[in-house]
Amino acid sequence: MSVTTATDTLLDGTHTVLTPEYVEFRFTLAGLYSRFLAWMLDAVIVTLLTGAILTSLSLVMFAFPGFASALSIVIYFLVDWGYAITLETVWSGRTVGKRVMSLRVIQESGVRIGFYHAALRNLARPVDRLPLFYLVGGLTALVSGSQQRLGDMLAGTLVVRERRLKVPSALGMPGDEGLLADPLFVSRVKRLSSEEREVVLTAALRREELRMEARLRLFAALGARLQDVLAMEKPPHLSDEKWALLVAAALLPPKGQPRSTPQRRQTA
């Protein structure tokens, strides 16, 4: 689903993404305090990892004492960059600190980041850290309007809050056991891409927050898209929304297992 970004000027601490169907997804921006706590936890982990590496290289450092200080600085920065870039790339915009604080890095368009974005935002950290404790980055985030430090501006990323959502029981009981028991239907649903799954499940979980007109438009577009992707005709007795809910039900984890998504709200 293609999206365009829009800034919400009425509500502080939110970022709004407008879809082609004119449905807004609002992401709650992470505050500086929670981001600082996440960074502190990550800094402790990076320090421990650096210490372990330096300990393993102690013989080399002892043999070349003149290079010990320089080597220590180089290893620290390599571990710091490697830790953040690797985890944010493979862990959907999270490090250990961000996961503990329920934070996530996303693109301004609302989708997950990749290696390119993780690398850009983290390679700019030395500038954001000037002169001490992220003073430049913190001041930039305060005046940016979107809580973006310089690295986020360069990479086009945001740090948002996320929350755990439990799947409503109504979603797990769509009322068409025949289709859910069809192996062909289930197998095709399971082949949906991660982004397609995210769109279907987000629409299913947030549908009650939409006004009726926006809700009808959203599920009409989503229902048509699912017919194309699954290469299956929607049963005539099902509405577009019911069809999308059946697809969502086929994607659900075992009952009671929470699913983590970025915190966002839809309005029309």
Protein backbone atom coordinates (compact mmCIF):
# COMPACT_ATOMS: atom_id res chain seq x y z
CA MET A 1 0.00 0.00 0.00
CA SER A 2 1.52 3.33 -1.01
CA VAL A 3 1.36 6.13 1.50
CA THR A 4 2.12 9.79 1.78
CA THR A 5 3.25 11.51 4.93
CA ALA A 6 1.41 14.29 6.67
CA THR A 7 2.20 16.19 9.85
CA ASP A 8 -0.52 16.50 12.46
CA THR A 9 -0.45 20.10 13.62
CA LEU A 10 -3.21 19.71 16.19
CA LEU A 11 -1.83 16.91 18.37
CA ASP A 12 1.67 17.13 19.80
CA GLY A 13 3.71 13.96 19.88
CA THR A 14 2.08 12.25 16.90
CA HIS A 15 3.02 11.56 13.31
CA THR A 16 0.29 11.06 10.71
CA VAL A 17 0.50 8.95 7.56
CA LEU A 18 -2.25 9.38 4.96
CA THR A 19 -3.05 6.41 2.72
CA PRO A 20 -4.43 6.69 -0.83
CA GLU A 21 -7.82 5.70 0.63
CA TYR A 22 -7.66 8.85 2.83
CA VAL A 23 -7.34 6.84 6.01
CA GLU A 24 -4.96 8.30 8.57
CA PHE A 25 -2.57 6.21 10.67
CA ARG A 26 -1.32 8.09 13.72
CA PHE A 27 1.89 7.00 15.39
CA THR A 28 2.73 8.13 18.91
CA LEU A 29 6.22 9.64 18.94
CA ALA A 30 8.66 8.55 21.64
CA GLY A 31 9.67 11.24 24.10
CA LEU A 32 13.25 12.22 24.88
CA TYR A 33 13.14 10.65 28.35
CA SER A 34 12.20 7.17 27.17
CA ARG A 35 14.69 7.40 24.31
CA PHE A 36 17.43 8.43 26.73
CA LEU A 37 16.68 5.48 29.02
CA ALA A 38 16.78 3.12 26.02
CA TRP A 39 20.13 4.62 24.97
CA MET A 40 21.53 4.20 28.49
CA LEU A 41 20.66 0.50 28.49
CA ASP A 42 22.17 0.05 25.03
CA ALA A 43 25.28 1.96 26.13
CA VAL A 44 25.78 -0.45 29.04
CA ILE A 45 25.50 -3.42 26.66
CA VAL A 46 27.94 -1.84 24.17
CA THR A 47 30.40 -1.11 26.99
CA LEU A 48 30.24 -4.72 28.21
CA LEU A 49 30.72 -6.06 24.68
CA THR A 50 33.65 -3.71 24.10
CA GLY A 51 35.22 -4.76 27.40
CA ALA A 52 34.90 -8.43 26.47
CA ILE A 53 36.59 -7.83 23.10
CA LEU A 54 39.40 -5.78 24.64
CA THR A 55 39.96 -8.46 27.25
CA SER A 56 40.34 -11.05 24.52
CA LEU A 57 42.86 -8.76 22.80
CA SER A 58 44.77 -7.98 25.98
CA LEU A 59 47.91 -9.77 24.78
CA VAL A 60 48.00 -7.73 21.58
CA MET A 61 47.47 -4.48 23.51
CA PHE A 62 50.20 -5.46 25.97
CA ALA A 63 52.62 -6.11 23.11
CA PHE A 64 51.85 -2.71 21.50
CA PRO A 65 51.10 -0.35 24.40
CA GLY A 66 51.37 2.71 22.18
CA PHE A 67 48.33 1.61 20.18
CA ALA A 68 46.22 0.48 23.14
CA SER A 69 44.25 3.71 23.59
CA ALA A 70 43.63 4.20 19.87
CA LEU A 71 42.62 0.57 19.46
CA SER A 72 40.21 0.82 22.38
CA ILE A 73 38.48 3.85 20.82
CA VAL A 74 38.25 2.23 17.39
CA ILE A 75 36.81 -1.00 18.79
CA TYR A 76 34.26 0.90 20.90
CA PHE A 77 32.91 2.82 17.90
CA LEU A 78 32.83 -0.30 15.73
CA VAL A 79 30.89 -2.20 18.38
CA ASP A 80 28.58 0.75 19.00
CA TRP A 81 27.76 1.20 15.31
CA GLY A 82 27.62 -2.51 14.57
CA TYR A 83 25.32 -3.20 17.52
CA ALA A 84 22.79 -0.51 16.63
CA ILE A 85 22.84 -0.98 12.85
CA THR A 86 22.60 -4.77 13.00
CA LEU A 87 19.80 -4.96 15.57
CA GLU A 88 17.72 -2.16 14.03
CA THR A 89 18.01 -3.85 10.64
CA VAL A 90 17.14 -7.41 11.64
CA TRP A 91 14.89 -6.59 14.61
CA SER A 92 12.43 -4.23 12.88
CA GLY A 93 13.89 -0.98 14.18
CA ARG A 94 14.61 -2.10 17.72
CA THR A 95 17.65 -2.57 19.92
CA VAL A 96 17.57 -4.21 23.35
CA GLY A 97 17.04 -0.82 24.98
CA LYS A 98 14.26 0.14 22.61
CA ARG A 99 12.54 -3.21 23.10
CA VAL A 100 12.61 -2.82 26.88
CA MET A 101 11.18 0.70 26.58
CA SER A 102 8.63 -0.39 23.92
CA LEU A 103 10.11 1.85 21.23
CA ARG A 104 10.70 1.23 17.54
CA VAL A 105 12.33 3.10 14.63
CA ILE A 106 10.19 3.42 11.50
CA GLN A 107 10.37 5.34 8.25
CA GLU A 108 8.44 8.59 7.97
CA SER A 109 6.07 6.74 5.62
CA GLY A 110 5.12 4.42 8.48
CA VAL A 111 6.85 1.23 7.26
CA ARG A 112 9.74 -0.62 8.84
CA ILE A 113 13.32 0.48 8.25
CA GLY A 114 16.04 -1.43 6.42
CA PHE A 115 19.83 -1.48 6.50
CA TYR A 116 20.11 1.81 4.56
CA HIS A 117 18.03 3.76 7.10
CA ALA A 118 19.62 2.09 10.13
CA ALA A 119 23.10 2.83 8.81
CA LEU A 120 22.40 6.49 8.03
CA ARG A 121 20.79 7.31 11.37
CA ASN A 122 23.51 5.56 13.38
CA LEU A 123 26.51 6.84 11.42
CA ALA A 124 25.34 10.36 12.34
CA ARG A 125 25.48 9.57 16.08
CA PRO A 126 28.93 11.18 16.68
CA VAL A 127 27.50 14.55 15.61
CA ASP A 128 24.29 14.10 17.63
CA ARG A 129 26.37 13.26 20.73
CA LEU A 130 28.27 16.56 20.66
CA PRO A 131 29.41 17.98 22.97
CA LEU A 132 28.19 15.43 25.55
CA PHE A 133 25.19 13.17 26.23
CA TYR A 134 23.44 13.86 22.92
CA LEU A 135 23.09 17.61 23.55
CA VAL A 136 23.02 18.42 19.81
CA GLY A 137 20.65 15.53 19.07
CA GLY A 138 18.39 16.37 22.00
CA LEU A 139 18.10 20.05 21.10
CA THR A 140 17.45 19.15 17.47
CA ALA A 141 14.69 16.75 18.51
CA LEU A 142 13.08 19.39 20.71
CA VAL A 143 12.79 21.92 17.89
CA SER A 144 12.14 19.52 14.99
CA GLY A 145 8.44 19.01 15.66
CA SER A 146 8.76 15.26 15.05
CA GLN A 147 11.28 14.41 17.81
CA GLN A 148 13.93 13.76 15.15
CA ARG A 149 17.63 14.09 15.90
CA LEU A 150 20.02 14.86 13.05
CA GLY A 151 20.47 11.18 12.24
CA ASP A 152 16.70 10.71 11.94
CA MET A 153 16.40 13.72 9.67
CA LEU A 154 19.17 12.39 7.46
CA ALA A 155 17.64 8.89 7.26
CA GLY A 156 13.98 9.99 7.15
CA THR A 157 13.13 7.98 10.28
CA LEU A 158 11.12 8.40 13.48
CA VAL A 159 11.17 6.73 16.88
CA VAL A 160 7.66 5.74 17.95
CA ARG A 161 6.05 3.95 20.85
CA GLU A 162 4.54 0.53 20.40
CA ARG A 163 2.10 -1.48 22.46
CA ARG A 164 0.99 -5.06 22.63
CA LEU A 165 -2.42 -5.80 21.20
CA LYS A 166 -4.40 -8.90 21.99
CA VAL A 167 -6.50 -10.20 19.15
CA PRO A 168 -10.22 -9.71 19.94
CA SER A 169 -12.17 -12.94 20.33
CA ALA A 170 -14.58 -11.81 17.60
CA LEU A 171 -11.72 -11.78 15.11
CA GLY A 172 -10.88 -15.35 15.98
CA MET A 173 -14.45 -16.49 15.27
CA PRO A 174 -15.31 -15.11 11.80
CA GLY A 175 -18.29 -17.41 11.31
CA ASP A 176 -17.22 -19.13 8.10
CA GLU A 177 -15.53 -22.33 9.22
CA GLY A 178 -15.88 -23.83 5.74
CA LEU A 179 -13.50 -21.33 4.15
CA LEU A 180 -11.06 -21.41 7.06
CA ALA A 181 -10.96 -25.19 6.74
CA ASP A 182 -10.09 -24.96 3.04
CA PRO A 183 -6.38 -25.92 2.68
CA LEU A 184 -6.05 -23.94 -0.55
CA PHE A 185 -7.33 -20.75 1.07
CA VAL A 186 -5.15 -21.13 4.15
CA SER A 187 -2.02 -21.98 2.15
CA ARG A 188 -2.42 -18.92 -0.08
CA VAL A 189 -3.02 -16.67 2.91
CA LYS A 190 0.16 -17.96 4.55
CA ARG A 191 2.13 -16.87 1.48
CA LEU A 192 1.26 -13.20 1.98
CA SER A 193 4.28 -10.97 2.44
CA SER A 194 5.07 -9.49 5.85
CA GLU A 195 3.88 -6.05 4.74
CA GLU A 196 0.61 -7.48 3.38
CA ARG A 197 0.05 -9.35 6.64
CA GLU A 198 0.70 -6.16 8.59
CA VAL A 199 -1.87 -4.24 6.55
CA VAL A 200 -4.55 -6.94 6.92
CA LEU A 201 -4.08 -7.42 10.66
CA THR A 202 -3.84 -3.70 11.37
CA ALA A 203 -7.06 -3.03 9.46
CA ALA A 204 -8.79 -5.86 11.31
CA LEU A 205 -7.66 -4.73 14.74
CA ARG A 206 -8.33 -1.01 14.20
CA ARG A 207 -11.55 -1.14 12.20
CA GLU A 208 -13.74 -0.05 15.12
CA GLU A 209 -11.81 3.23 15.34
CA LEU A 210 -12.80 4.25 11.79
CA ARG A 211 -15.80 6.24 10.76
CA MET A 212 -18.20 4.23 8.66
CA GLU A 213 -17.42 5.94 5.35
CA ALA A 214 -13.67 5.51 5.77
CA ARG A 215 -14.18 1.95 7.00
CA LEU A 216 -16.16 1.02 3.87
CA ARG A 217 -13.56 2.60 1.57
CA LEU A 218 -10.68 0.89 3.33
CA PHE A 219 -12.17 -2.61 3.24
CA ALA A 220 -13.42 -2.20 -0.34
CA ALA A 221 -9.86 -1.47 -1.48
CA LEU A 222 -8.38 -4.13 0.79
CA GLY A 223 -10.91 -6.76 -0.28
CA ALA A 224 -10.18 -6.19 -3.97
CA ARG A 225 -6.46 -6.29 -3.30
CA LEU A 226 -6.75 -9.59 -1.42
CA GLN A 227 -8.66 -11.18 -4.29
CA ASP A 228 -5.82 -10.26 -6.64
CA VAL A 229 -3.03 -11.36 -4.30
CA LEU A 230 -4.69 -14.64 -3.32
CA ALA A 231 -5.96 -15.29 -6.87
CA MET A 232 -9.33 -16.22 -5.36
CA GLU A 233 -12.81 -14.77 -5.81
CA LYS A 234 -14.53 -13.46 -2.72
CA PRO A 235 -17.57 -15.60 -1.84
CA PRO A 236 -20.71 -13.68 -2.87
CA HIS A 237 -22.29 -13.91 0.59
CA LEU A 238 -19.33 -12.17 2.26
CA SER A 239 -18.86 -8.43 2.56
CA ASP A 240 -15.44 -6.90 1.85
CA GLU A 241 -14.85 -6.47 5.56
CA LYS A 242 -15.86 -10.05 6.38
CA TRP A 243 -13.58 -11.31 3.60
CA ALA A 244 -10.63 -9.37 5.04
CA LEU A 245 -11.43 -10.64 8.55
CA LEU A 246 -11.34 -14.23 7.31
CA VAL A 247 -7.90 -13.62 5.84
CA ALA A 248 -6.81 -12.07 9.15
CA ALA A 249 -8.21 -15.05 11.08
CA ALA A 250 -6.13 -17.41 8.93
CA LEU A 251 -3.02 -15.40 9.87
CA LEU A 252 -3.62 -15.37 13.62
CA PRO A 253 -1.20 -16.96 16.08
CA PRO A 254 -2.58 -19.39 18.69
CA LYS A 255 -5.35 -17.92 20.81
CA GLY A 256 -4.09 -15.70 23.61
CA GLN A 257 -0.66 -15.05 22.13
CA PRO A 258 -0.04 -11.26 22.02
CA ARG A 259 1.14 -9.58 18.88
CA SER A 260 3.35 -6.48 18.96
CA THR A 261 2.66 -3.56 16.61
CA PRO A 262 3.58 0.11 16.60
CA GLN A 263 1.04 2.19 18.51
CA ARG A 264 -1.15 4.01 16.04
CA ARG A 265 -4.69 5.20 15.61
CA GLN A 266 -6.79 5.49 12.46
CA THR A 267 -9.20 8.31 11.76
CA ALA A 268 -11.00 9.52 8.71
